[in-house]
Amino acid sequence: MTKVRISPDLALAKVYVSVFPFDKAETILQTLQHNVSQIRKALGIRVRSQLRIVPELSFYIDDSLEYVENIDRLLH
């Protein structure tokens, strides 16, 4: 996970995931989306005494590492 953006009301969390190697990113994103309810339940157990609402989770691929790798390859 690279970063998480949470809505002001804590109802929605956008989770950006960095995957290496990048060619497996789509498979991992599908796996995360398929298991979002189990991940949210585990999150709820961990933060139950700190948050009233467990946010809905949305997963996205963070392609910044691929971008940096591409720039590095172009420079060399």
N, C-alpha and C. Protein backbone atom coordinates (compact mmCIF):
# COMPACT_ATOMS: atom_id res chain seq x y z
N MET A 1 0.85 -1.16 0.00
CA MET A 1 0.00 0.00 0.00
C MET A 1 0.90 1.23 0.00
N THR A 2 0.58 2.17 -0.87
CA THR A 2 1.39 3.37 -0.97
C THR A 2 0.75 4.53 -0.23
N LYS A 3 -0.56 4.69 -0.42
CA LYS A 3 -1.25 5.78 0.28
C LYS A 3 -2.73 5.46 0.38
N VAL A 4 -3.37 6.15 1.31
CA VAL A 4 -4.81 5.98 1.52
C VAL A 4 -5.41 7.38 1.63
N ARG A 5 -6.46 7.61 0.88
CA ARG A 5 -7.21 8.88 0.95
C ARG A 5 -8.57 8.56 1.56
N ILE A 6 -8.89 9.26 2.64
CA ILE A 6 -10.14 9.01 3.36
C ILE A 6 -11.03 10.23 3.24
N SER A 7 -12.31 10.00 2.96
CA SER A 7 -13.26 11.09 2.85
C SER A 7 -13.41 11.78 4.22
N PRO A 8 -13.82 13.04 4.23
CA PRO A 8 -13.95 13.78 5.49
C PRO A 8 -14.88 13.12 6.51
N ASP A 9 -15.91 12.41 6.03
CA ASP A 9 -16.83 11.76 6.96
C ASP A 9 -16.39 10.34 7.32
N LEU A 10 -15.22 9.93 6.87
CA LEU A 10 -14.62 8.61 7.14
C LEU A 10 -15.43 7.45 6.57
N ALA A 11 -16.30 7.72 5.61
CA ALA A 11 -17.14 6.67 5.06
C ALA A 11 -16.50 5.94 3.88
N LEU A 12 -15.51 6.56 3.24
CA LEU A 12 -14.89 5.96 2.07
C LEU A 12 -13.38 6.11 2.14
N ALA A 13 -12.67 5.03 1.88
CA ALA A 13 -11.21 5.06 1.83
C ALA A 13 -10.75 4.56 0.48
N LYS A 14 -9.97 5.37 -0.22
CA LYS A 14 -9.36 4.97 -1.48
C LYS A 14 -7.95 4.50 -1.16
N VAL A 15 -7.69 3.23 -1.41
CA VAL A 15 -6.40 2.62 -1.08
C VAL A 15 -5.61 2.44 -2.37
N TYR A 16 -4.44 3.08 -2.42
CA TYR A 16 -3.57 2.98 -3.59
C TYR A 16 -2.48 1.96 -3.28
N VAL A 17 -2.36 0.95 -4.16
CA VAL A 17 -1.45 -0.16 -3.94
C VAL A 17 -0.38 -0.15 -5.03
N SER A 18 0.86 -0.29 -4.60
CA SER A 18 1.97 -0.39 -5.53
C SER A 18 2.36 -1.86 -5.64
N VAL A 19 2.48 -2.36 -6.86
CA VAL A 19 2.76 -3.78 -7.09
C VAL A 19 4.05 -3.91 -7.89
N PHE A 20 4.91 -4.80 -7.42
CA PHE A 20 6.13 -5.11 -8.16
C PHE A 20 6.25 -6.61 -8.29
N PRO A 21 6.39 -7.16 -9.43
CA PRO A 21 6.49 -6.55 -10.75
C PRO A 21 5.12 -6.05 -11.22
N PHE A 22 5.17 -4.99 -12.02
CA PHE A 22 3.96 -4.28 -12.40
C PHE A 22 3.02 -5.13 -13.26
N ASP A 23 3.54 -6.12 -13.96
CA ASP A 23 2.68 -6.93 -14.83
C ASP A 23 1.68 -7.79 -14.05
N LYS A 24 1.87 -7.94 -12.76
CA LYS A 24 0.93 -8.69 -11.92
C LYS A 24 -0.08 -7.77 -11.22
N ALA A 25 -0.03 -6.50 -11.52
CA ALA A 25 -0.87 -5.52 -10.83
C ALA A 25 -2.36 -5.79 -11.03
N GLU A 26 -2.77 -6.10 -12.24
CA GLU A 26 -4.19 -6.32 -12.51
C GLU A 26 -4.73 -7.52 -11.74
N THR A 27 -3.94 -8.59 -11.68
CA THR A 27 -4.34 -9.79 -10.94
C THR A 27 -4.49 -9.49 -9.46
N ILE A 28 -3.55 -8.76 -8.90
CA ILE A 28 -3.60 -8.43 -7.48
C ILE A 28 -4.76 -7.49 -7.18
N LEU A 29 -5.02 -6.53 -8.07
CA LEU A 29 -6.15 -5.63 -7.89
C LEU A 29 -7.47 -6.41 -7.89
N GLN A 30 -7.62 -7.36 -8.79
CA GLN A 30 -8.83 -8.19 -8.83
C GLN A 30 -8.98 -9.01 -7.56
N THR A 31 -7.87 -9.54 -7.05
CA THR A 31 -7.90 -10.32 -5.80
C THR A 31 -8.32 -9.43 -4.63
N LEU A 32 -7.78 -8.23 -4.56
CA LEU A 32 -8.17 -7.31 -3.49
C LEU A 32 -9.65 -6.96 -3.57
N GLN A 33 -10.13 -6.67 -4.77
CA GLN A 33 -11.53 -6.32 -4.94
C GLN A 33 -12.45 -7.50 -4.62
N HIS A 34 -12.01 -8.69 -4.92
CA HIS A 34 -12.80 -9.89 -4.63
C HIS A 34 -12.90 -10.13 -3.12
N ASN A 35 -11.85 -9.75 -2.38
CA ASN A 35 -11.80 -10.00 -0.94
C ASN A 35 -12.04 -8.75 -0.10
N VAL A 36 -12.65 -7.72 -0.68
CA VAL A 36 -12.82 -6.45 0.02
C VAL A 36 -13.65 -6.60 1.30
N SER A 37 -14.62 -7.48 1.30
CA SER A 37 -15.45 -7.62 2.51
C SER A 37 -14.65 -8.23 3.66
N GLN A 38 -13.79 -9.21 3.38
CA GLN A 38 -12.95 -9.80 4.43
C GLN A 38 -11.92 -8.79 4.94
N ILE A 39 -11.36 -7.99 4.03
CA ILE A 39 -10.38 -6.98 4.42
C ILE A 39 -11.04 -5.92 5.29
N ARG A 40 -12.24 -5.51 4.90
CA ARG A 40 -12.96 -4.50 5.68
C ARG A 40 -13.33 -5.03 7.06
N LYS A 41 -13.71 -6.30 7.13
CA LYS A 41 -14.03 -6.91 8.42
C LYS A 41 -12.80 -6.95 9.32
N ALA A 42 -11.64 -7.33 8.77
CA ALA A 42 -10.41 -7.36 9.55
C ALA A 42 -10.03 -5.95 10.02
N LEU A 43 -10.23 -4.96 9.17
CA LEU A 43 -9.98 -3.58 9.55
C LEU A 43 -10.91 -3.15 10.68
N GLY A 44 -12.18 -3.54 10.58
CA GLY A 44 -13.15 -3.21 11.62
C GLY A 44 -12.77 -3.78 12.98
N ILE A 45 -12.24 -4.99 12.97
CA ILE A 45 -11.82 -5.62 14.23
C ILE A 45 -10.65 -4.84 14.85
N ARG A 46 -9.74 -4.38 14.00
CA ARG A 46 -8.55 -3.68 14.51
C ARG A 46 -8.85 -2.27 15.00
N VAL A 47 -9.84 -1.59 14.41
CA VAL A 47 -10.09 -0.19 14.77
C VAL A 47 -11.42 0.01 15.48
N ARG A 48 -12.03 -1.05 15.95
CA ARG A 48 -13.39 -0.96 16.52
C ARG A 48 -13.50 0.01 17.68
N SER A 49 -12.45 0.16 18.46
CA SER A 49 -12.54 1.08 19.60
C SER A 49 -12.14 2.51 19.24
N GLN A 50 -11.68 2.72 18.00
CA GLN A 50 -11.21 4.04 17.62
C GLN A 50 -12.12 4.75 16.61
N LEU A 51 -12.87 3.99 15.82
CA LEU A 51 -13.73 4.57 14.80
C LEU A 51 -15.16 4.10 14.98
N ARG A 52 -16.10 4.99 14.72
CA ARG A 52 -17.51 4.59 14.75
C ARG A 52 -17.91 3.88 13.47
N ILE A 53 -17.32 4.32 12.36
CA ILE A 53 -17.63 3.78 11.04
C ILE A 53 -16.39 3.13 10.47
N VAL A 54 -16.54 1.93 9.93
CA VAL A 54 -15.45 1.31 9.17
C VAL A 54 -15.68 1.71 7.72
N PRO A 55 -14.72 2.40 7.12
CA PRO A 55 -14.95 2.93 5.78
C PRO A 55 -15.09 1.85 4.71
N GLU A 56 -15.87 2.17 3.68
CA GLU A 56 -15.92 1.34 2.48
C GLU A 56 -14.56 1.47 1.81
N LEU A 57 -14.03 0.37 1.30
CA LEU A 57 -12.70 0.38 0.70
C LEU A 57 -12.78 0.27 -0.81
N SER A 58 -12.01 1.11 -1.48
CA SER A 58 -11.85 1.05 -2.94
C SER A 58 -10.36 0.95 -3.22
N PHE A 59 -9.97 -0.03 -4.00
CA PHE A 59 -8.56 -0.26 -4.30
C PHE A 59 -8.21 0.25 -5.69
N TYR A 60 -7.03 0.87 -5.78
CA TYR A 60 -6.53 1.40 -7.05
C TYR A 60 -5.05 1.06 -7.16
N ILE A 61 -4.58 0.93 -8.39
CA ILE A 61 -3.16 0.68 -8.62
C ILE A 61 -2.42 2.02 -8.62
N ASP A 62 -1.36 2.09 -7.84
CA ASP A 62 -0.49 3.26 -7.84
C ASP A 62 0.65 2.96 -8.81
N ASP A 63 0.64 3.63 -9.95
CA ASP A 63 1.63 3.34 -10.98
C ASP A 63 2.83 4.28 -10.93
N SER A 64 3.04 4.94 -9.80
CA SER A 64 4.15 5.88 -9.71
C SER A 64 5.51 5.18 -9.83
N LEU A 65 5.64 3.96 -9.31
CA LEU A 65 6.89 3.23 -9.45
C LEU A 65 7.18 2.90 -10.91
N GLU A 66 6.15 2.54 -11.64
CA GLU A 66 6.33 2.25 -13.06
C GLU A 66 6.75 3.53 -13.79
N TYR A 67 6.17 4.65 -13.43
CA TYR A 67 6.52 5.93 -14.03
C TYR A 67 7.98 6.27 -13.76
N VAL A 68 8.42 6.11 -12.53
CA VAL A 68 9.81 6.39 -12.16
C VAL A 68 10.75 5.46 -12.91
N GLU A 69 10.39 4.20 -13.00
CA GLU A 69 11.21 3.22 -13.73
C GLU A 69 11.32 3.60 -15.19
N ASN A 70 10.23 4.05 -15.78
CA ASN A 70 10.23 4.46 -17.19
C ASN A 70 11.12 5.69 -17.40
N ILE A 71 11.05 6.66 -16.52
CA ILE A 71 11.90 7.85 -16.61
C ILE A 71 13.37 7.46 -16.48
N ASP A 72 13.66 6.59 -15.52
CA ASP A 72 15.04 6.14 -15.31
C ASP A 72 15.56 5.42 -16.56
N ARG A 73 14.73 4.59 -17.17
CA ARG A 73 15.13 3.87 -18.37
C ARG A 73 15.38 4.85 -19.52
N LEU A 74 14.55 5.89 -19.65
CA LEU A 74 14.74 6.88 -20.70
C LEU A 74 16.01 7.70 -20.50
N LEU A 75 16.36 7.96 -19.25
CA LEU A 75 17.56 8.75 -18.97
C LEU A 75 18.84 7.96 -19.25
N HIS A 76 18.76 6.67 -19.16
CA HIS A 76 19.95 5.85 -19.42
C HIS A 76 19.92 5.46 -20.86
